[in-house]
Amino acid sequence: MPCRLKLLRVVALLLCKTVLDDKSARLQGLLFKAVFTKDRTGFVQSIKANIVWHILISILTSTIDYYVTSLRLDWQDRMYAWLKSLGLCSRGMLLRTAR
């Protein structure tokens, strides 16, 4: 997969994570409101919604970490190939020090 496509996926996933974090903050606000007003049904609904949103956020965070690591390795390989083509590194030296 090309690096540009991976980079676009990371940007899109980060935007989605921002939206989910914003929604999660609003849900936590509703949770505190339910606690202070002693609304039990609102509290239970807010807890359930918070659990679902945090599961989604954790899945999204893991996916972002995967794509960032993959992107880092792609760029590292590109840089190594470029330095090797210039003759600036000996056999495997750069690879050993970078990883």
N, C-alpha and C. Protein backbone atom coordinates (compact mmCIF):
# COMPACT_ATOMS: atom_id res chain seq x y z
N MET A 1 0.85 -1.17 0.00
CA MET A 1 0.00 0.00 0.00
C MET A 1 0.90 1.24 0.00
N PRO A 2 0.61 2.20 -0.86
CA PRO A 2 1.45 3.39 -0.93
C PRO A 2 1.42 4.20 0.38
N CYS A 3 2.52 4.90 0.62
CA CYS A 3 2.64 5.69 1.85
C CYS A 3 1.60 6.80 1.92
N ARG A 4 1.28 7.39 0.78
CA ARG A 4 0.30 8.47 0.79
C ARG A 4 -1.07 7.98 1.25
N LEU A 5 -1.43 6.79 0.78
CA LEU A 5 -2.72 6.23 1.19
C LEU A 5 -2.73 5.93 2.69
N LYS A 6 -1.63 5.41 3.20
CA LYS A 6 -1.54 5.15 4.64
C LYS A 6 -1.61 6.44 5.44
N LEU A 7 -0.94 7.47 4.94
CA LEU A 7 -0.97 8.75 5.62
C LEU A 7 -2.38 9.34 5.63
N LEU A 8 -3.09 9.22 4.51
CA LEU A 8 -4.47 9.70 4.46
C LEU A 8 -5.37 8.91 5.42
N ARG A 9 -5.12 7.61 5.52
CA ARG A 9 -5.90 6.79 6.46
C ARG A 9 -5.65 7.22 7.90
N VAL A 10 -4.39 7.52 8.23
CA VAL A 10 -4.07 7.97 9.58
C VAL A 10 -4.77 9.29 9.88
N VAL A 11 -4.74 10.21 8.92
CA VAL A 11 -5.40 11.50 9.12
C VAL A 11 -6.91 11.31 9.31
N ALA A 12 -7.52 10.46 8.47
CA ALA A 12 -8.96 10.21 8.58
C ALA A 12 -9.29 9.55 9.92
N LEU A 13 -8.48 8.60 10.34
CA LEU A 13 -8.73 7.94 11.62
C LEU A 13 -8.55 8.90 12.79
N LEU A 14 -7.59 9.81 12.69
CA LEU A 14 -7.41 10.80 13.75
C LEU A 14 -8.59 11.76 13.83
N LEU A 15 -9.14 12.12 12.69
CA LEU A 15 -10.34 12.96 12.70
C LEU A 15 -11.52 12.22 13.34
N CYS A 16 -11.66 10.94 13.01
CA CYS A 16 -12.73 10.14 13.64
C CYS A 16 -12.52 10.03 15.14
N LYS A 17 -11.27 9.85 15.56
CA LYS A 17 -10.98 9.75 16.99
C LYS A 17 -11.30 11.06 17.70
N THR A 18 -11.03 12.18 17.05
CA THR A 18 -11.35 13.48 17.63
C THR A 18 -12.86 13.61 17.85
N VAL A 19 -13.63 13.19 16.86
CA VAL A 19 -15.09 13.25 16.98
C VAL A 19 -15.57 12.34 18.11
N LEU A 20 -15.01 11.13 18.18
CA LEU A 20 -15.40 10.20 19.25
C LEU A 20 -15.01 10.72 20.63
N ASP A 21 -13.83 11.33 20.73
CA ASP A 21 -13.41 11.90 22.02
C ASP A 21 -14.33 13.04 22.44
N ASP A 22 -14.75 13.85 21.47
CA ASP A 22 -15.68 14.94 21.78
C ASP A 22 -17.01 14.39 22.27
N LYS A 23 -17.52 13.38 21.58
CA LYS A 23 -18.78 12.75 21.99
C LYS A 23 -18.65 12.10 23.37
N SER A 24 -17.50 11.48 23.62
CA SER A 24 -17.25 10.85 24.91
C SER A 24 -17.24 11.89 26.03
N ALA A 25 -16.66 13.04 25.77
CA ALA A 25 -16.63 14.10 26.79
C ALA A 25 -18.06 14.59 27.08
N ARG A 26 -18.87 14.70 26.04
CA ARG A 26 -20.26 15.10 26.25
C ARG A 26 -21.03 14.06 27.06
N LEU A 27 -20.77 12.78 26.75
CA LEU A 27 -21.44 11.72 27.50
C LEU A 27 -21.01 11.72 28.97
N GLN A 28 -19.75 12.01 29.23
CA GLN A 28 -19.30 12.08 30.62
C GLN A 28 -19.93 13.26 31.33
N GLY A 29 -20.16 14.34 30.60
CA GLY A 29 -20.88 15.47 31.19
C GLY A 29 -22.30 15.08 31.57
N LEU A 30 -22.95 14.32 30.70
CA LEU A 30 -24.30 13.84 31.02
C LEU A 30 -24.28 12.88 32.20
N LEU A 31 -23.22 12.11 32.31
CA LEU A 31 -23.07 11.18 33.44
C LEU A 31 -22.99 11.95 34.75
N PHE A 32 -22.16 12.99 34.79
CA PHE A 32 -22.05 13.79 36.01
C PHE A 32 -23.35 14.52 36.31
N LYS A 33 -24.02 14.96 35.28
CA LYS A 33 -25.31 15.62 35.48
C LYS A 33 -26.32 14.65 36.11
N ALA A 34 -26.31 13.40 35.63
CA ALA A 34 -27.21 12.39 36.18
C ALA A 34 -26.87 12.09 37.63
N VAL A 35 -25.59 12.10 37.96
CA VAL A 35 -25.19 11.85 39.35
C VAL A 35 -25.67 12.97 40.25
N PHE A 36 -25.45 14.21 39.82
CA PHE A 36 -25.81 15.35 40.67
C PHE A 36 -27.31 15.54 40.80
N THR A 37 -28.07 15.16 39.76
CA THR A 37 -29.53 15.29 39.85
C THR A 37 -30.19 14.02 40.38
N LYS A 38 -29.37 13.00 40.69
CA LYS A 38 -29.84 11.72 41.22
C LYS A 38 -30.84 11.04 40.28
N ASP A 39 -30.52 11.09 38.99
CA ASP A 39 -31.34 10.46 37.96
C ASP A 39 -30.74 9.08 37.66
N ARG A 40 -31.35 8.04 38.21
CA ARG A 40 -30.79 6.69 38.08
C ARG A 40 -30.86 6.16 36.65
N THR A 41 -31.97 6.37 35.98
CA THR A 41 -32.08 5.85 34.60
C THR A 41 -31.10 6.58 33.67
N GLY A 42 -30.96 7.88 33.87
CA GLY A 42 -29.99 8.63 33.08
C GLY A 42 -28.57 8.19 33.36
N PHE A 43 -28.30 7.86 34.62
CA PHE A 43 -26.98 7.39 35.01
C PHE A 43 -26.64 6.06 34.34
N VAL A 44 -27.59 5.12 34.38
CA VAL A 44 -27.37 3.80 33.77
C VAL A 44 -27.18 3.93 32.26
N GLN A 45 -28.01 4.76 31.63
CA GLN A 45 -27.87 4.96 30.18
C GLN A 45 -26.53 5.61 29.84
N SER A 46 -26.10 6.56 30.65
CA SER A 46 -24.82 7.22 30.41
C SER A 46 -23.65 6.26 30.59
N ILE A 47 -23.74 5.40 31.58
CA ILE A 47 -22.68 4.40 31.80
C ILE A 47 -22.58 3.46 30.61
N LYS A 48 -23.73 2.97 30.13
CA LYS A 48 -23.73 2.07 28.98
C LYS A 48 -23.15 2.75 27.74
N ALA A 49 -23.57 3.99 27.50
CA ALA A 49 -23.06 4.72 26.34
C ALA A 49 -21.56 4.98 26.47
N ASN A 50 -21.10 5.32 27.68
CA ASN A 50 -19.67 5.55 27.90
C ASN A 50 -18.85 4.30 27.63
N ILE A 51 -19.34 3.16 28.06
CA ILE A 51 -18.62 1.90 27.82
C ILE A 51 -18.50 1.63 26.33
N VAL A 52 -19.59 1.80 25.59
CA VAL A 52 -19.56 1.56 24.14
C VAL A 52 -18.61 2.52 23.46
N TRP A 53 -18.67 3.81 23.82
CA TRP A 53 -17.79 4.79 23.18
C TRP A 53 -16.33 4.52 23.48
N HIS A 54 -16.03 4.12 24.72
CA HIS A 54 -14.63 3.85 25.06
C HIS A 54 -14.11 2.58 24.38
N ILE A 55 -14.96 1.61 24.14
CA ILE A 55 -14.54 0.44 23.37
C ILE A 55 -14.22 0.86 21.94
N LEU A 56 -15.08 1.68 21.35
CA LEU A 56 -14.81 2.19 19.99
C LEU A 56 -13.52 3.00 19.94
N ILE A 57 -13.31 3.84 20.93
CA ILE A 57 -12.09 4.66 20.96
C ILE A 57 -10.85 3.79 21.10
N SER A 58 -10.92 2.74 21.90
CA SER A 58 -9.74 1.87 22.07
C SER A 58 -9.44 1.09 20.79
N ILE A 59 -10.48 0.65 20.10
CA ILE A 59 -10.26 -0.03 18.81
C ILE A 59 -9.64 0.92 17.81
N LEU A 60 -10.16 2.14 17.76
CA LEU A 60 -9.64 3.14 16.84
C LEU A 60 -8.20 3.51 17.18
N THR A 61 -7.88 3.61 18.45
CA THR A 61 -6.50 3.92 18.86
C THR A 61 -5.54 2.82 18.45
N SER A 62 -5.95 1.58 18.60
CA SER A 62 -5.10 0.46 18.18
C SER A 62 -4.88 0.47 16.67
N THR A 63 -5.92 0.79 15.93
CA THR A 63 -5.80 0.86 14.48
C THR A 63 -4.86 1.99 14.07
N ILE A 64 -4.97 3.12 14.73
CA ILE A 64 -4.08 4.25 14.43
C ILE A 64 -2.63 3.87 14.74
N ASP A 65 -2.40 3.21 15.86
CA ASP A 65 -1.04 2.78 16.21
C ASP A 65 -0.48 1.83 15.16
N TYR A 66 -1.30 0.93 14.66
CA TYR A 66 -0.86 -0.01 13.62
C TYR A 66 -0.43 0.75 12.37
N TYR A 67 -1.26 1.67 11.90
CA TYR A 67 -0.94 2.41 10.68
C TYR A 67 0.26 3.32 10.86
N VAL A 68 0.42 3.92 12.03
CA VAL A 68 1.58 4.78 12.27
C VAL A 68 2.86 3.96 12.27
N THR A 69 2.83 2.79 12.89
CA THR A 69 4.00 1.91 12.89
C THR A 69 4.33 1.45 11.48
N SER A 70 3.32 1.08 10.73
CA SER A 70 3.52 0.66 9.34
C SER A 70 4.10 1.79 8.50
N LEU A 71 3.58 2.98 8.69
CA LEU A 71 4.07 4.15 7.97
C LEU A 71 5.52 4.46 8.34
N ARG A 72 5.83 4.33 9.62
CA ARG A 72 7.20 4.58 10.07
C ARG A 72 8.18 3.62 9.43
N LEU A 73 7.79 2.35 9.37
CA LEU A 73 8.67 1.35 8.75
C LEU A 73 8.84 1.60 7.25
N ASP A 74 7.76 2.00 6.58
CA ASP A 74 7.87 2.32 5.15
C ASP A 74 8.83 3.47 4.91
N TRP A 75 8.70 4.52 5.70
CA TRP A 75 9.59 5.67 5.53
C TRP A 75 11.02 5.32 5.91
N GLN A 76 11.19 4.48 6.90
CA GLN A 76 12.53 4.05 7.28
C GLN A 76 13.19 3.27 6.15
N ASP A 77 12.43 2.37 5.52
CA ASP A 77 12.96 1.61 4.40
C ASP A 77 13.29 2.51 3.21
N ARG A 78 12.43 3.49 2.96
CA ARG A 78 12.70 4.45 1.87
C ARG A 78 13.98 5.24 2.13
N MET A 79 14.13 5.71 3.37
CA MET A 79 15.31 6.49 3.70
C MET A 79 16.57 5.64 3.61
N TYR A 80 16.49 4.40 4.06
CA TYR A 80 17.63 3.50 3.98
C TYR A 80 18.02 3.25 2.53
N ALA A 81 17.02 3.01 1.67
CA ALA A 81 17.31 2.78 0.26
C ALA A 81 17.92 4.02 -0.38
N TRP A 82 17.44 5.20 -0.01
CA TRP A 82 17.97 6.44 -0.56
C TRP A 82 19.42 6.65 -0.13
N LEU A 83 19.70 6.45 1.18
CA LEU A 83 21.07 6.60 1.66
C LEU A 83 22.00 5.56 1.06
N LYS A 84 21.48 4.37 0.85
CA LYS A 84 22.28 3.31 0.24
C LYS A 84 22.60 3.66 -1.21
N SER A 85 21.63 4.24 -1.92
CA SER A 85 21.87 4.63 -3.32
C SER A 85 22.89 5.76 -3.43
N LEU A 86 22.99 6.58 -2.40
CA LEU A 86 23.99 7.65 -2.39
C LEU A 86 25.36 7.15 -1.95
N GLY A 87 25.39 5.94 -1.43
CA GLY A 87 26.65 5.36 -0.96
C GLY A 87 27.08 5.91 0.38
N LEU A 88 26.14 6.39 1.17
CA LEU A 88 26.48 7.00 2.46
C LEU A 88 26.46 6.03 3.62
N CYS A 89 26.06 4.80 3.38
CA CYS A 89 26.04 3.86 4.50
C CYS A 89 26.64 2.53 4.05
N SER A 90 27.29 1.90 4.99
CA SER A 90 27.86 0.59 4.69
C SER A 90 26.78 -0.48 4.82
N ARG A 91 27.15 -1.69 4.53
CA ARG A 91 26.20 -2.80 4.52
C ARG A 91 25.51 -3.00 5.87
N GLY A 92 24.24 -2.70 5.93
CA GLY A 92 23.44 -2.99 7.10
C GLY A 92 23.70 -2.12 8.34
N MET A 93 24.67 -1.20 8.27
CA MET A 93 24.99 -0.41 9.44
C MET A 93 23.80 0.45 9.88
N LEU A 94 23.20 1.14 8.94
CA LEU A 94 22.08 2.01 9.27
C LEU A 94 20.90 1.20 9.79
N LEU A 95 20.66 0.05 9.20
CA LEU A 95 19.54 -0.78 9.62
C LEU A 95 19.73 -1.27 11.05
N ARG A 96 20.95 -1.64 11.41
CA ARG A 96 21.21 -2.11 12.78
C ARG A 96 21.03 -1.00 13.79
N THR A 97 21.45 0.20 13.46
CA THR A 97 21.35 1.29 14.44
C THR A 97 19.92 1.81 14.55
N ALA A 98 19.13 1.74 13.47
CA ALA A 98 17.78 2.30 13.49
C ALA A 98 16.78 1.37 14.16
N ARG A 99 16.96 0.09 14.05
CA ARG A 99 15.99 -0.86 14.61
C ARG A 99 16.55 -1.43 15.83
